[in-house]
Amino acid sequence: SVYATILEKWFCVPQATLQTILFKNFQSLNIVSDAACKTTGIDDPNQTAGEELITTYPNPFTQTTTIKYKTKGAHTLIQ
């Protein structure tokens, strides 16, 4: 049933609850991914953003400044 599949794979409704709601055990169709119901770890690369700024000079500056910082080798955006 399309309804059973949507409830199970999009809204993460357990099988026992589906049987209660739909009054029958419907077969789940392979039309949607159940990725929404799986837990994943979160790796936030910005978690330590700003911790590796070493120096800026002169500070304050008018036209130009020199910024020294450390990165982990990825793309870096300074705003």
Protein backbone atom coordinates (compact mmCIF):
# COMPACT_ATOMS: atom_id res chain seq x y z
CA SER A 1 0.00 0.00 0.00
CA VAL A 2 1.25 3.47 -0.85
CA TYR A 3 -0.21 4.83 2.41
CA ALA A 4 1.56 2.21 4.52
CA THR A 5 4.85 2.87 2.73
CA ILE A 6 4.65 6.66 3.21
CA LEU A 7 3.75 6.29 6.88
CA GLU A 8 6.53 3.77 7.48
CA LYS A 9 9.40 5.25 5.45
CA TRP A 10 8.70 8.99 5.58
CA PHE A 11 7.05 9.39 8.97
CA CYS A 12 8.86 6.49 10.71
CA VAL A 13 5.67 4.87 12.02
CA PRO A 14 6.40 1.40 13.50
CA GLN A 15 4.80 -1.70 11.94
CA ALA A 16 2.62 -2.40 15.00
CA THR A 17 1.17 1.10 14.83
CA LEU A 18 0.59 0.78 11.08
CA GLN A 19 -1.49 -2.36 11.63
CA THR A 20 -3.57 -0.49 14.21
CA ILE A 21 -4.08 2.55 11.96
CA LEU A 22 -4.75 0.70 8.70
CA PHE A 23 -6.55 -2.33 10.26
CA LYS A 24 -4.42 -4.69 8.18
CA ASN A 25 -0.79 -5.63 7.54
CA PHE A 26 0.04 -4.07 4.16
CA GLN A 27 3.21 -4.86 2.25
CA SER A 28 5.70 -2.00 2.08
CA LEU A 29 6.50 -0.88 -1.46
CA ASN A 30 9.97 0.07 -2.66
CA ILE A 31 8.97 3.57 -3.84
CA VAL A 32 10.60 5.75 -1.17
CA SER A 33 13.88 5.56 0.71
CA ASP A 34 13.73 4.98 4.45
CA ALA A 35 16.79 7.18 5.03
CA ALA A 36 14.69 9.69 6.99
CA CYS A 37 14.13 7.13 9.75
CA LYS A 38 17.80 6.25 10.24
CA THR A 39 19.99 8.10 12.69
CA THR A 40 23.34 9.43 11.58
CA GLY A 41 26.23 11.15 13.23
CA ILE A 42 26.77 14.82 12.54
CA ASP A 43 30.28 15.91 11.64
CA ASP A 44 30.32 19.69 11.73
CA PRO A 45 33.51 21.02 10.11
CA ASN A 46 32.71 24.51 11.46
CA GLN A 47 32.67 23.27 15.03
CA THR A 48 36.09 24.77 15.72
CA ALA A 49 35.78 27.73 13.34
CA GLY A 50 37.73 30.73 14.50
CA GLU A 51 39.94 28.84 16.93
CA GLU A 52 42.94 28.77 14.64
CA LEU A 53 43.24 32.50 13.92
CA ILE A 54 46.78 33.36 14.92
CA THR A 55 47.36 37.03 14.13
CA THR A 56 46.17 39.95 12.08
CA TYR A 57 48.36 42.99 11.66
CA PRO A 58 48.19 45.92 11.60
CA ASN A 59 45.05 46.05 13.68
CA PRO A 60 43.09 48.24 13.09
CA PHE A 61 43.88 48.63 9.39
CA THR A 62 42.78 51.03 6.67
CA GLN A 63 43.61 49.46 3.28
CA THR A 64 45.43 46.16 3.75
CA THR A 65 46.14 43.68 6.52
CA THR A 66 48.01 40.41 6.93
CA ILE A 67 46.13 37.43 8.36
CA LYS A 68 47.89 34.31 9.65
CA TYR A 69 45.74 31.23 10.32
CA LYS A 70 45.83 27.42 10.32
CA THR A 71 43.50 25.14 8.35
CA LYS A 72 43.11 21.40 7.95
CA GLY A 73 43.89 21.66 4.24
CA ALA A 74 40.36 22.24 2.95
CA HIS A 75 38.94 25.27 1.17
CA THR A 76 38.98 28.34 3.39
CA LEU A 77 36.70 31.37 3.15
CA ILE A 78 37.60 34.54 5.01
CA GLN A 79 34.83 37.12 5.23
